[in-house]
Each structure stands twice: as structure tokens, then as C-alpha cells.
């Protein structure tokens, strides 16, 4: 069963919230008018907190689509959790990545893509679309990188 884009995003957010709660953190969803932040999470005593942007996919590609503003929107307190929903009967994979790493990655990879010719040899046209990937699983299940313990 293939989920719609909207349902994939919602499922990813709830899976992230459930995983954070399971690990003993306090989780709060933001309203849809909070740009770039889907979840606020804190240590149980409230002494440390982080903002999380969730990006979900329902395939096993380990790649997620972002936009250009992700190159410019980063801070020490903002993290991305990329969710790979895989199949309905399996636990999702979570990739926890600092926003500064994401910004640098997509800026460099997009620049590299732009400077290389297309399959037909033509110059590529710029767009707002960017991609992040973690084919090496370097950020897989790195919950400790949130620094909430």
C-alpha cells in the first residue's frame, strides 16, 4: 500500500514523536503555522530542548526532498529527523541529522549537480528542489546526537 504524500508526512511525525516519547523525552507538536519546526522535544526535567523538522519517505531510497530554504535555515538547536517508513509491517528507520550538516550537504550537492551536464549534455536549470541522502547510514538511529541526555 502506497501512502499519499500528506499521509506519509503525518505518519512520519507521529513515529518520531512516539520514538522520542519511548526514549523518555517530552514531546510537543507545533501548529502548522510554525515554519520549519514540526516537533519540540525536551529532556524530562526541561533543562534541554531541541526543535525538529521531520521529513518522511515511504520507500527505501534513503533520500529525501527538501527545498532551497533548508540551505539557509539552520541552528545548533534545530535537527532533522528523516524517516524511512519502508513497509507497513516493519519499524521505520530514523536518521537524526543536525540542521547545519543538512544545509552544508544540500548546498554542496546541489552545486555539484548544477555544474555537471545533464544526460543530454545540456546545462542544468536551477530549481528550489534539493535532496539529502544518507546512503552510508552515518546518521541512522543517532538519537544521542540530539544531546538531550
N, C-alpha and C. Protein backbone atom coordinates (compact mmCIF):
# COMPACT_ATOMS: atom_id res chain seq x y z
N UNK A 1 0.84 -1.18 0.00
CA UNK A 1 0.00 0.00 0.00
C UNK A 1 0.89 1.24 0.00
N UNK A 2 0.63 2.14 -0.90
CA UNK A 2 1.40 3.38 -1.02
C UNK A 2 0.58 4.52 -0.40
N UNK A 3 1.18 5.19 0.58
CA UNK A 3 0.52 6.33 1.23
C UNK A 3 0.66 7.58 0.37
N UNK A 4 -0.30 8.47 0.50
CA UNK A 4 -0.19 9.77 -0.15
C UNK A 4 0.94 10.56 0.51
N UNK A 5 1.39 11.61 -0.15
CA UNK A 5 2.46 12.46 0.40
C UNK A 5 2.05 13.03 1.76
N UNK A 6 0.82 13.50 1.86
CA UNK A 6 0.34 14.08 3.12
C UNK A 6 0.30 13.07 4.25
N UNK A 7 -0.21 11.87 3.96
CA UNK A 7 -0.28 10.82 4.98
C UNK A 7 1.11 10.33 5.36
N UNK A 8 2.03 10.30 4.40
CA UNK A 8 3.41 9.90 4.69
C UNK A 8 4.04 10.87 5.68
N UNK A 9 3.82 12.17 5.46
CA UNK A 9 4.36 13.19 6.36
C UNK A 9 3.78 13.09 7.76
N UNK A 10 2.49 12.91 7.85
CA UNK A 10 1.83 12.80 9.16
C UNK A 10 2.30 11.55 9.90
N UNK A 11 2.36 10.43 9.19
CA UNK A 11 2.82 9.19 9.81
C UNK A 11 4.25 9.35 10.34
N UNK A 12 5.11 9.99 9.55
CA UNK A 12 6.49 10.20 9.98
C UNK A 12 6.57 11.02 11.25
N UNK A 13 5.79 12.08 11.33
CA UNK A 13 5.80 12.92 12.53
C UNK A 13 5.36 12.14 13.76
N UNK A 14 4.32 11.35 13.63
CA UNK A 14 3.85 10.56 14.76
C UNK A 14 4.84 9.48 15.16
N UNK A 15 5.49 8.85 14.19
CA UNK A 15 6.52 7.86 14.52
C UNK A 15 7.68 8.51 15.28
N UNK A 16 8.09 9.70 14.84
CA UNK A 16 9.19 10.39 15.54
C UNK A 16 8.76 10.74 16.96
N UNK A 17 7.55 11.26 17.12
CA UNK A 17 7.05 11.61 18.45
C UNK A 17 6.97 10.37 19.34
N UNK A 18 6.52 9.27 18.80
CA UNK A 18 6.41 8.04 19.58
C UNK A 18 7.80 7.55 20.00
N UNK A 19 8.75 7.60 19.10
CA UNK A 19 10.11 7.13 19.41
C UNK A 19 10.76 8.02 20.47
N UNK A 20 10.59 9.33 20.34
CA UNK A 20 11.14 10.24 21.35
C UNK A 20 10.49 10.01 22.71
N UNK A 21 9.18 9.83 22.73
CA UNK A 21 8.47 9.55 23.99
C UNK A 21 8.94 8.23 24.59
N UNK A 22 9.13 7.23 23.76
CA UNK A 22 9.60 5.93 24.22
C UNK A 22 10.97 6.03 24.87
N UNK A 23 11.75 7.01 24.42
CA UNK A 23 13.08 7.22 24.97
C UNK A 23 13.07 8.14 26.20
N UNK A 24 11.90 8.56 26.64
CA UNK A 24 11.78 9.32 27.88
C UNK A 24 11.79 10.83 27.73
N UNK A 25 11.59 11.33 26.53
CA UNK A 25 11.59 12.77 26.30
C UNK A 25 10.16 13.31 26.26
N UNK A 26 10.02 14.60 26.54
CA UNK A 26 8.74 15.29 26.48
C UNK A 26 8.59 15.84 25.06
N UNK A 27 7.48 15.51 24.41
CA UNK A 27 7.27 15.84 23.01
C UNK A 27 6.04 16.70 22.84
N UNK A 28 6.16 17.71 21.99
CA UNK A 28 5.02 18.56 21.67
C UNK A 28 5.03 18.86 20.17
N UNK A 29 3.88 18.65 19.54
CA UNK A 29 3.75 19.02 18.13
C UNK A 29 3.52 20.51 18.03
N UNK A 30 4.08 21.13 17.01
CA UNK A 30 3.81 22.55 16.77
C UNK A 30 2.58 22.65 15.88
N UNK A 31 2.02 23.81 15.85
CA UNK A 31 0.91 24.05 14.93
C UNK A 31 1.49 24.20 13.52
N UNK A 32 0.70 24.03 12.55
CA UNK A 32 1.15 24.11 11.15
C UNK A 32 1.69 25.48 10.77
N UNK A 33 1.44 26.49 11.59
CA UNK A 33 1.94 27.82 11.25
C UNK A 33 3.37 28.06 11.76
N UNK A 34 4.00 27.04 12.31
CA UNK A 34 5.38 27.14 12.76
C UNK A 34 6.28 26.66 11.64
N UNK A 35 6.88 27.58 10.93
CA UNK A 35 7.67 27.22 9.75
C UNK A 35 8.97 26.53 10.16
N UNK A 36 9.22 25.40 9.54
CA UNK A 36 10.48 24.71 9.72
C UNK A 36 10.62 23.89 10.99
N UNK A 37 9.59 23.85 11.82
CA UNK A 37 9.64 23.06 13.05
C UNK A 37 8.34 22.27 13.16
N UNK A 38 8.48 20.96 13.26
CA UNK A 38 7.31 20.09 13.41
C UNK A 38 7.11 19.65 14.86
N UNK A 39 8.23 19.44 15.56
CA UNK A 39 8.17 18.90 16.92
C UNK A 39 9.15 19.67 17.81
N UNK A 40 8.70 19.97 19.03
CA UNK A 40 9.59 20.47 20.07
C UNK A 40 9.76 19.34 21.06
N UNK A 41 11.00 19.08 21.44
CA UNK A 41 11.29 17.97 22.35
C UNK A 41 12.22 18.48 23.44
N UNK A 42 12.01 17.97 24.66
CA UNK A 42 12.89 18.37 25.76
C UNK A 42 13.19 17.17 26.65
N UNK A 43 14.24 17.34 27.44
CA UNK A 43 14.53 16.34 28.45
C UNK A 43 13.37 16.36 29.44
N UNK A 44 13.24 15.30 30.21
CA UNK A 44 12.09 15.20 31.12
C UNK A 44 12.06 16.33 32.15
N UNK A 45 13.24 16.79 32.57
CA UNK A 45 13.28 17.89 33.55
C UNK A 45 13.22 19.27 32.89
N UNK A 46 13.16 19.31 31.55
CA UNK A 46 13.03 20.57 30.84
C UNK A 46 14.31 21.38 30.72
N UNK A 47 15.43 20.83 31.13
CA UNK A 47 16.68 21.58 31.11
C UNK A 47 17.30 21.70 29.71
N UNK A 48 16.93 20.81 28.80
CA UNK A 48 17.46 20.85 27.43
C UNK A 48 16.31 20.65 26.46
N UNK A 49 16.34 21.39 25.36
CA UNK A 49 15.28 21.23 24.36
C UNK A 49 15.85 21.37 22.95
N UNK A 50 15.13 20.81 22.00
CA UNK A 50 15.51 20.86 20.60
C UNK A 50 14.26 21.05 19.74
N UNK A 51 14.48 21.63 18.57
CA UNK A 51 13.44 21.76 17.55
C UNK A 51 13.74 20.72 16.48
N UNK A 52 12.69 20.09 15.98
CA UNK A 52 12.86 19.02 14.99
C UNK A 52 11.99 19.27 13.77
N UNK A 53 12.60 19.13 12.62
CA UNK A 53 11.90 19.13 11.34
C UNK A 53 11.89 17.69 10.86
N UNK A 54 10.71 17.14 10.58
CA UNK A 54 10.58 15.76 10.14
C UNK A 54 10.36 15.72 8.63
N UNK A 55 11.10 14.85 7.97
CA UNK A 55 10.92 14.59 6.54
C UNK A 55 10.76 13.10 6.38
N UNK A 56 9.71 12.69 5.71
CA UNK A 56 9.38 11.27 5.60
C UNK A 56 9.33 10.80 4.16
N UNK A 57 9.68 9.53 3.99
CA UNK A 57 9.51 8.88 2.69
C UNK A 57 8.93 7.50 2.94
N UNK A 58 8.25 6.97 1.95
CA UNK A 58 7.68 5.64 2.13
C UNK A 58 8.30 4.65 1.14
N UNK A 59 9.61 4.82 0.96
CA UNK A 59 10.37 3.86 0.16
C UNK A 59 11.69 3.63 0.86
N UNK A 60 12.54 2.82 0.31
CA UNK A 60 13.80 2.52 0.98
C UNK A 60 14.99 3.22 0.33
N UNK A 61 14.76 4.37 -0.29
CA UNK A 61 15.80 5.06 -1.05
C UNK A 61 16.84 5.77 -0.17
N UNK A 62 16.52 6.04 1.08
CA UNK A 62 17.41 6.79 1.97
C UNK A 62 17.74 8.17 1.42
N UNK A 63 16.76 8.77 0.73
CA UNK A 63 16.92 10.11 0.16
C UNK A 63 15.60 10.87 0.37
N UNK A 64 15.73 12.15 0.70
CA UNK A 64 14.56 12.97 0.99
C UNK A 64 14.67 14.30 0.26
N UNK A 65 13.52 14.79 -0.20
CA UNK A 65 13.46 16.04 -0.94
C UNK A 65 13.27 17.20 0.04
N UNK A 66 14.07 18.24 -0.14
CA UNK A 66 13.98 19.47 0.63
C UNK A 66 13.85 20.63 -0.34
N UNK A 67 13.81 21.84 0.17
CA UNK A 67 13.83 22.99 -0.72
C UNK A 67 14.99 23.91 -0.36
N UNK A 68 15.16 24.92 -1.17
CA UNK A 68 16.32 25.81 -1.03
C UNK A 68 16.42 26.48 0.34
N UNK A 69 15.28 26.77 0.96
CA UNK A 69 15.33 27.45 2.26
C UNK A 69 16.03 26.61 3.32
N UNK A 70 16.12 25.29 3.10
CA UNK A 70 16.83 24.43 4.05
C UNK A 70 18.33 24.69 4.05
N UNK A 71 18.83 25.31 3.00
CA UNK A 71 20.25 25.70 2.96
C UNK A 71 20.53 26.85 3.93
N UNK A 72 19.53 27.66 4.17
CA UNK A 72 19.70 28.90 4.94
C UNK A 72 19.12 28.82 6.34
N UNK A 73 18.34 27.79 6.62
CA UNK A 73 17.65 27.69 7.90
C UNK A 73 18.31 26.61 8.75
N UNK A 74 19.24 27.04 9.60
CA UNK A 74 19.94 26.08 10.46
C UNK A 74 20.35 26.76 11.76
N UNK A 75 20.48 25.96 12.80
CA UNK A 75 20.96 26.44 14.09
C UNK A 75 21.44 25.24 14.90
N UNK A 76 22.15 25.51 15.97
CA UNK A 76 22.64 24.43 16.83
C UNK A 76 21.48 23.66 17.47
N UNK A 77 20.34 24.29 17.59
CA UNK A 77 19.19 23.70 18.28
C UNK A 77 18.21 23.00 17.33
N UNK A 78 18.41 23.13 16.02
CA UNK A 78 17.49 22.55 15.04
C UNK A 78 18.08 21.29 14.44
N UNK A 79 17.27 20.22 14.45
CA UNK A 79 17.66 18.94 13.89
C UNK A 79 16.61 18.47 12.89
N UNK A 80 17.06 17.69 11.93
CA UNK A 80 16.15 16.99 11.04
C UNK A 80 16.09 15.54 11.49
N UNK A 81 14.90 14.98 11.46
CA UNK A 81 14.76 13.53 11.59
C UNK A 81 14.13 13.06 10.28
N UNK A 82 14.93 12.36 9.51
CA UNK A 82 14.47 11.79 8.25
C UNK A 82 13.94 10.40 8.54
N UNK A 83 12.73 10.13 8.09
CA UNK A 83 12.06 8.88 8.39
C UNK A 83 11.86 8.10 7.10
N UNK A 84 12.24 6.84 7.15
CA UNK A 84 12.00 5.93 6.04
C UNK A 84 10.96 4.93 6.52
N UNK A 85 9.71 5.08 6.05
CA UNK A 85 8.61 4.26 6.54
C UNK A 85 8.68 2.81 6.06
N UNK A 86 9.36 2.55 4.98
CA UNK A 86 9.52 1.20 4.44
C UNK A 86 8.16 0.53 4.24
N UNK A 87 7.95 -0.64 4.86
CA UNK A 87 6.68 -1.35 4.68
C UNK A 87 5.81 -1.19 5.92
N UNK A 88 4.55 -1.49 5.76
CA UNK A 88 3.57 -1.32 6.83
C UNK A 88 3.88 -2.24 8.02
N UNK A 89 4.52 -3.35 7.78
CA UNK A 89 4.79 -4.34 8.85
C UNK A 89 6.17 -4.20 9.49
N UNK A 90 6.91 -3.15 9.16
CA UNK A 90 8.25 -3.02 9.74
C UNK A 90 8.40 -1.66 10.42
N UNK A 91 9.30 -1.62 11.39
CA UNK A 91 9.60 -0.38 12.09
C UNK A 91 10.32 0.56 11.13
N UNK A 92 9.98 1.84 11.15
CA UNK A 92 10.68 2.80 10.28
C UNK A 92 12.15 2.95 10.69
N UNK A 93 12.94 3.42 9.75
CA UNK A 93 14.31 3.83 10.05
C UNK A 93 14.30 5.33 10.30
N UNK A 94 15.11 5.77 11.27
CA UNK A 94 15.21 7.18 11.62
C UNK A 94 16.66 7.64 11.43
N UNK A 95 16.82 8.76 10.76
CA UNK A 95 18.14 9.36 10.55
C UNK A 95 18.11 10.73 11.22
N UNK A 96 18.93 10.92 12.24
CA UNK A 96 18.91 12.14 13.02
C UNK A 96 20.13 12.97 12.64
N UNK A 97 19.87 14.16 12.04
CA UNK A 97 20.94 14.95 11.44
C UNK A 97 20.84 16.41 11.88
N UNK A 98 21.94 16.99 12.38
CA UNK A 98 21.93 18.42 12.71
C UNK A 98 21.62 19.27 11.47
N UNK A 99 20.89 20.34 11.67
CA UNK A 99 20.49 21.18 10.52
C UNK A 99 21.68 21.79 9.80
N UNK A 100 22.77 22.06 10.52
CA UNK A 100 23.97 22.60 9.86
C UNK A 100 24.56 21.59 8.88
N UNK A 101 24.52 20.32 9.23
CA UNK A 101 25.01 19.27 8.34
C UNK A 101 24.14 19.19 7.09
N UNK A 102 22.83 19.25 7.30
CA UNK A 102 21.89 19.19 6.17
C UNK A 102 22.11 20.37 5.23
N UNK A 103 22.21 21.56 5.80
CA UNK A 103 22.40 22.77 4.99
C UNK A 103 23.66 22.68 4.14
N UNK A 104 24.74 22.27 4.75
CA UNK A 104 26.01 22.14 4.02
C UNK A 104 25.92 21.07 2.94
N UNK A 105 25.34 19.92 3.28
CA UNK A 105 25.22 18.82 2.33
C UNK A 105 24.42 19.23 1.10
N UNK A 106 23.24 19.81 1.31
CA UNK A 106 22.39 20.12 0.16
C UNK A 106 22.95 21.27 -0.67
N UNK A 107 23.62 22.20 -0.03
CA UNK A 107 24.25 23.28 -0.79
C UNK A 107 25.35 22.74 -1.69
N UNK A 108 26.22 21.90 -1.13
CA UNK A 108 27.32 21.34 -1.91
C UNK A 108 26.84 20.37 -2.99
N UNK A 109 25.90 19.49 -2.64
CA UNK A 109 25.44 18.51 -3.62
C UNK A 109 24.65 19.17 -4.73
N UNK A 110 23.88 20.20 -4.40
CA UNK A 110 23.12 20.91 -5.44
C UNK A 110 24.08 21.67 -6.36
N UNK A 111 25.08 22.30 -5.78
CA UNK A 111 26.08 22.99 -6.60
C UNK A 111 26.79 22.04 -7.53
N UNK A 112 27.12 20.87 -7.05
CA UNK A 112 27.77 19.85 -7.87
C UNK A 112 26.85 19.39 -9.00
N UNK A 113 25.59 19.17 -8.67
CA UNK A 113 24.60 18.76 -9.67
C UNK A 113 24.45 19.84 -10.75
N UNK A 114 24.36 21.11 -10.31
CA UNK A 114 24.21 22.21 -11.27
C UNK A 114 25.41 22.33 -12.22
N UNK A 115 26.59 22.08 -11.70
CA UNK A 115 27.80 22.27 -12.52
C UNK A 115 28.08 21.09 -13.45
N UNK A 116 27.35 20.00 -13.28
CA UNK A 116 27.56 18.87 -14.19
C UNK A 116 26.50 18.91 -15.30
N UNK A 117 26.86 18.46 -16.50
CA UNK A 117 25.89 18.48 -17.60
C UNK A 117 24.79 17.44 -17.39
N UNK A 118 23.64 17.70 -17.98
CA UNK A 118 22.54 16.74 -17.92
C UNK A 118 22.88 15.52 -18.77
N UNK A 119 22.01 14.52 -18.78
CA UNK A 119 22.23 13.31 -19.58
C UNK A 119 22.37 13.62 -21.06
N UNK A 120 21.73 14.69 -21.49
CA UNK A 120 21.80 15.08 -22.90
C UNK A 120 22.95 16.05 -23.17
N UNK A 121 23.72 16.39 -22.13
CA UNK A 121 24.86 17.28 -22.29
C UNK A 121 24.53 18.75 -22.14
N UNK A 122 23.29 19.07 -21.85
CA UNK A 122 22.88 20.47 -21.70
C UNK A 122 23.17 20.98 -20.30
N UNK A 123 23.22 22.31 -20.18
CA UNK A 123 23.40 22.96 -18.89
C UNK A 123 22.11 22.79 -18.08
N UNK A 124 22.25 22.44 -16.83
CA UNK A 124 21.08 22.24 -15.96
C UNK A 124 20.49 23.58 -15.54
N UNK A 125 19.18 23.60 -15.37
CA UNK A 125 18.50 24.79 -14.87
C UNK A 125 18.32 24.66 -13.37
N UNK A 126 18.56 25.77 -12.67
CA UNK A 126 18.43 25.78 -11.22
C UNK A 126 16.96 25.65 -10.83
N UNK A 127 16.72 25.07 -9.68
CA UNK A 127 15.38 24.98 -9.12
C UNK A 127 15.50 25.07 -7.60
N UNK A 128 14.38 25.14 -6.94
CA UNK A 128 14.37 25.23 -5.48
C UNK A 128 14.49 23.84 -4.84
N UNK A 129 14.38 22.79 -5.61
CA UNK A 129 14.43 21.44 -5.07
C UNK A 129 15.86 21.05 -4.69
N UNK A 130 15.98 20.41 -3.52
CA UNK A 130 17.25 19.89 -3.04
C UNK A 130 17.01 18.47 -2.54
N UNK A 131 18.09 17.69 -2.44
CA UNK A 131 17.96 16.33 -1.91
C UNK A 131 19.02 16.09 -0.86
N UNK A 132 18.60 15.41 0.20
CA UNK A 132 19.53 14.93 1.22
C UNK A 132 19.48 13.41 1.18
N UNK A 133 20.64 12.78 1.32
CA UNK A 133 20.66 11.33 1.41
C UNK A 133 21.68 10.89 2.45
N UNK A 134 21.48 9.67 2.93
CA UNK A 134 22.43 9.05 3.85
C UNK A 134 22.60 7.59 3.44
N UNK A 135 23.20 7.40 2.28
CA UNK A 135 23.39 6.05 1.75
C UNK A 135 24.33 5.21 2.60
N UNK A 136 25.17 5.86 3.41
CA UNK A 136 26.12 5.12 4.25
C UNK A 136 25.59 4.83 5.65
N UNK A 137 24.39 5.28 5.95
CA UNK A 137 23.76 5.10 7.27
C UNK A 137 24.54 5.78 8.40
N UNK A 138 25.24 6.84 8.08
CA UNK A 138 26.02 7.55 9.09
C UNK A 138 25.18 8.21 10.17
N UNK A 139 23.91 8.48 9.88
CA UNK A 139 23.04 9.15 10.85
C UNK A 139 21.90 8.25 11.32
N UNK A 140 21.92 7.00 10.89
CA UNK A 140 20.87 6.06 11.26
C UNK A 140 20.84 5.85 12.77
N UNK A 141 19.65 6.12 13.37
CA UNK A 141 19.40 5.90 14.80
C UNK A 141 20.35 6.66 15.71
N UNK A 142 20.84 7.82 15.29
CA UNK A 142 21.77 8.62 16.10
C UNK A 142 21.02 9.57 17.04
N UNK A 143 20.12 9.01 17.82
CA UNK A 143 19.30 9.81 18.75
C UNK A 143 20.16 10.59 19.74
N UNK A 144 21.30 10.02 20.11
CA UNK A 144 22.17 10.69 21.08
C UNK A 144 22.69 12.03 20.56
N UNK A 145 22.69 12.22 19.25
CA UNK A 145 23.18 13.49 18.69
C UNK A 145 22.28 14.67 19.07
N UNK A 146 21.06 14.39 19.50
CA UNK A 146 20.18 15.47 19.98
C UNK A 146 20.73 16.11 21.25
N UNK A 147 21.53 15.39 21.97
CA UNK A 147 22.15 15.94 23.18
C UNK A 147 21.16 16.24 24.31
N UNK A 148 20.14 15.44 24.43
CA UNK A 148 19.12 15.69 25.46
C UNK A 148 19.37 14.92 26.75
N UNK A 149 20.35 14.05 26.77
CA UNK A 149 20.63 13.27 27.99
C UNK A 149 21.57 14.00 28.92
